[in-house]
Amino acid sequence: MKKELLSSIENIEIYPIISLLIFVTFFIGMFIWVINVDKKYVDHMKEMPFNDEPQNIDGYEKV
């Protein structure tokens, strides 16, 4: 039943292509962000779970 329903929809073959393009674009964007992220920001985020007091150092707010 599901196969007949999906095959009756016109231009349904474009949806898997669009989904793949969104998936690939997202992960390429995340890869570029990871390569270009500021190392101070990474160190700050890495230390956040161990800090109990809120502070503001180098423009990054610690909450």
C-alpha atoms as a PDB file:
ATOM      1  CA  MET A   1       0.000   0.000   0.000  1.00  0.00           C
ATOM      2  CA  LYS A   2       2.762   2.445   0.930  1.00  0.00           C
ATOM      3  CA  LYS A   3       4.605   1.737  -2.305  1.00  0.00           C
ATOM      4  CA  GLU A   4       1.525   2.453  -4.424  1.00  0.00           C
ATOM      5  CA  LEU A   5       0.811   5.634  -2.484  1.00  0.00           C
ATOM      6  CA  LEU A   6       4.359   6.972  -2.887  1.00  0.00           C
ATOM      7  CA  SER A   7       4.558   6.030  -6.549  1.00  0.00           C
ATOM      8  CA  SER A   8       1.331   7.926  -7.250  1.00  0.00           C
ATOM      9  CA  ILE A   9       2.883  11.245  -6.105  1.00  0.00           C
ATOM     10  CA  GLU A  10       4.266  13.270  -8.995  1.00  0.00           C
ATOM     11  CA  ASN A  11       7.971  14.257  -8.900  1.00  0.00           C
ATOM     12  CA  ILE A  12       8.595  12.246  -5.711  1.00  0.00           C
ATOM     13  CA  GLU A  13      12.099  11.319  -6.915  1.00  0.00           C
ATOM     14  CA  ILE A  14      13.366  14.842  -6.145  1.00  0.00           C
ATOM     15  CA  TYR A  15      12.862  14.508  -2.359  1.00  0.00           C
ATOM     16  CA  PRO A  16      15.704  12.023  -1.711  1.00  0.00           C
ATOM     17  CA  ILE A  17      18.044  14.242  -3.728  1.00  0.00           C
ATOM     18  CA  ILE A  18      17.026  17.333  -1.738  1.00  0.00           C
ATOM     19  CA  SER A  19      17.464  15.418   1.541  1.00  0.00           C
ATOM     20  CA  LEU A  20      20.943  14.271   0.530  1.00  0.00           C
ATOM     21  CA  LEU A  21      21.940  17.809  -0.483  1.00  0.00           C
ATOM     22  CA  ILE A  22      20.757  19.215   2.864  1.00  0.00           C
ATOM     23  CA  PHE A  23      22.624  16.462   4.732  1.00  0.00           C
ATOM     24  CA  VAL A  24      25.876  16.978   2.810  1.00  0.00           C
ATOM     25  CA  THR A  25      25.655  20.788   3.033  1.00  0.00           C
ATOM     26  CA  PHE A  26      25.156  20.653   6.806  1.00  0.00           C
ATOM     27  CA  PHE A  27      28.142  18.386   7.418  1.00  0.00           C
ATOM     28  CA  ILE A  28      30.412  20.297   5.053  1.00  0.00           C
ATOM     29  CA  GLY A  29      29.418  23.489   6.890  1.00  0.00           C
ATOM     30  CA  MET A  30      30.133  21.882  10.263  1.00  0.00           C
ATOM     31  CA  PHE A  31      33.504  20.615   9.010  1.00  0.00           C
ATOM     32  CA  ILE A  32      34.457  24.110   7.830  1.00  0.00           C
ATOM     33  CA  TRP A  33      33.356  25.578  11.192  1.00  0.00           C
ATOM     34  CA  VAL A  34      35.420  23.015  13.140  1.00  0.00           C
ATOM     35  CA  ILE A  35      38.502  23.776  11.039  1.00  0.00           C
ATOM     36  CA  ASN A  36      38.125  27.550  11.511  1.00  0.00           C
ATOM     37  CA  VAL A  37      36.956  27.748  15.139  1.00  0.00           C
ATOM     38  CA  ASP A  38      39.052  29.842  17.529  1.00  0.00           C
ATOM     39  CA  LYS A  39      41.212  27.638  19.762  1.00  0.00           C
ATOM     40  CA  LYS A  40      40.553  29.921  22.765  1.00  0.00           C
ATOM     41  CA  TYR A  41      36.840  29.241  22.331  1.00  0.00           C
ATOM     42  CA  VAL A  42      37.449  25.469  22.272  1.00  0.00           C
ATOM     43  CA  ASP A  43      39.595  25.653  25.411  1.00  0.00           C
ATOM     44  CA  HIS A  44      36.962  27.800  27.127  1.00  0.00           C
ATOM     45  CA  MET A  45      34.176  25.352  26.300  1.00  0.00           C
ATOM     46  CA  LYS A  46      36.349  22.429  27.377  1.00  0.00           C
ATOM     47  CA  GLU A  47      36.878  23.949  30.831  1.00  0.00           C
ATOM     48  CA  MET A  48      33.258  25.040  31.398  1.00  0.00           C
ATOM     49  CA  PRO A  49      32.057  21.916  33.264  1.00  0.00           C
ATOM     50  CA  PHE A  50      34.830  22.314  35.843  1.00  0.00           C
ATOM     51  CA  ASN A  51      34.198  25.993  36.666  1.00  0.00           C
ATOM     52  CA  ASP A  52      31.692  26.696  39.440  1.00  0.00           C
ATOM     53  CA  GLU A  53      31.834  30.500  39.436  1.00  0.00           C
ATOM     54  CA  PRO A  54      30.486  32.575  36.536  1.00  0.00           C
ATOM     55  CA  GLN A  55      33.189  34.757  34.970  1.00  0.00           C
ATOM     56  CA  ASN A  56      33.708  36.807  31.828  1.00  0.00           C
ATOM     57  CA  ILE A  57      37.149  36.180  30.322  1.00  0.00           C
ATOM     58  CA  ASP A  58      38.231  37.247  26.809  1.00  0.00           C
ATOM     59  CA  GLY A  59      34.690  38.009  25.723  1.00  0.00           C
ATOM     60  CA  TYR A  60      33.357  34.534  26.437  1.00  0.00           C
ATOM     61  CA  GLU A  61      30.792  34.539  29.186  1.00  0.00           C
ATOM     62  CA  LYS A  62      31.085  31.662  31.635  1.00  0.00           C
ATOM     63  CA  VAL A  63      27.783  30.785  33.222  1.00  0.00           C
END
